Amino acid sequence: MFTVKTFNKCSTSVSFLAACLVSACGSPDGLSGAPESDSQTPSAATPASAGQPDSASPVESQVPPPAYKRVWVVSTTGSDTASGSETAPLRTISRAITLAGPGELIRVRSGTYTERVLISGSVRSGTADAPITLQGEGHPRIVLGPVNGALMVVEKPYWRISGFNIDLQNRKAYGVAFTSDLQGTKLSHSEIHHGQYGAGVSFHFSANGATLENNHIHHIFISGVDAHGVIIQPTARNITLRDNVIHDNSGDAIQCYSEDGSVASAPADGVLIEGNDLYGNVEQSLDIKTCHNVTVRRNKMHKALRHPTLGGNGAMVVHMSAKNVLIEDNDFYDAGLAIGVGGNRYGPYPSGIVIRRNRIRDMLTLGGMTGGGVQLAVSTGTKVYNNTFTRLQGPALIVGSGDGGPTENLVVKNNIIDAAYALKLGTQAPGLKLDSNLYRPGAVFNTSTLSQWKAKGFDTSSLESSTLLDSITLAPASAAIDQGESLGLPFCGAAPDIGAIESGC
């Protein structure tokens, strides 16, 4: 029988990462092995606006260029003793970043640059009114060369970095390491790929205020070992991951990481994960461990399938001692399970988890996967509101199995549950409340029908209908319109609709 633990594997390589100095990262034990040879690219259905870089198009070309105080030019044919002008460019990015100041632009022409880019030490910070811009033209390629360490280190505020091909060439190093005060700093429209280290991008050592936006991160891959597209480590604060495409990594697409109680570092806090396309990873699309105040909004999480030797099953997991995690308006599909809460645990139960207005569809049982919607193994006070479940091969809700502890005070309301097996209920679900949901006729609650379930005191105002939703758009059918309970979410009409999509607005 599936439990959340089967896909909540603790990372075997990440425990090394927080201690790894970004100035000279060596190779931790166990990080050997070749990357997967299949260089899969995003599907044709992935919109460019979701973060897929387009090297043929100028970055943000629709935005009028700002007026810069000075423009520095870098070219593979330049010289670091030159003036850095259009006609006398510099040779290295490293030289240019030591010269640039607030309000200035560094233009890096196309070509391959063999160097580490260290925006650290004596390199100047930008300001809120005058950031420093590092702009690639034609997606210049940065490679590591004979030295060790992260290919790009960013630890200065108000830097705008955009348009690079950060090619790790299967080396054991981060692509980008963010640390320290990073208010106003953004990396965008870049590709980070083909590494054999614990992550492609890491936020650690009190990284605070950085944004990762519209990037393509893929094939961070160590055979048989976790390696993540992005990792957010303890002490990181106020991190935004928006509109990135992240796929084909040997761990998670994104992991908000903790040491699982083995160190006292403050958990990551204040994380926004929004509008990303996360798919095709060996583990989850998204793994939230002991992180606090996390918002997961408008992402696509799919193609999360069981690996033949490493396991896996779910698109997203929230566990350890996660706190205040909002999961809303996401699209989950083509996975063994949409969301798992609990299972692996250290210290307090996961708490403050809100799962609302998500579309959970087309879940699979291939290779022993669960084929279900949401599994709640251990948590306290979780709320499951206004979601739409459809085309599931397993239970829509799996609750109270006792895996790691009880599911305390769970509230499930205003959901369209278009599933033959609506609820699989274990023995450890004290305080369970279900009501105002809309079910398929004949749906099963353990072995009970809805009328038998109501006789037990649950779902007293819930309904059944043979027409629940539009099968293409997932919009609510008439039986779901204006039939929900007001739960503090905005709505149009006389009352909230049941399900993830509010009609009539």
Foldseek 3Di string as FASTA:
>chain_A
DDDPVLQQDDFPFCVCVQVADQVAGDFDPPLDAAFDPDPDDDDPPDDLQLQDFDLVDFPPVVDPDDDAPEEFEEECPADLVFPRDPVHHHHAPQSVQQPDAFRYEYEYEAEEHADAAECDDNRYAYDPVTAYEYEYRSAHEYEHPPGGGASYEDAHERYEYERHEQEDVQEAYAPYEAEHEHANYEYGSYEFERYSYQENYEYHHQREHYEYESYEFERNEHVPGHHEHYEYEFNYEQYEYGSHEFEHYAHEPYEQDYPLPPDDGHGYENYEYYSHEFEHYQHANYEYAQYEQYEAEAYEFAHFEADPPSGYFEHYEYEAAYEQYEHAHYEYEHTLEYYEYYQDYDPDGHENYEAELYEAEHHDCPPNRQQEYYEYQTHEPYEYAFAEYYHTPHEPYEAAQNRRHAQEQYEYFLAEHEDQAHYHYDDRYPNYAYEHYEYEANRQHNNDGPVVVVVVVYHVHYYYDNQAADPPPRHGDPVFAQRTQDDPDDADDPHAGRHNDGPDD
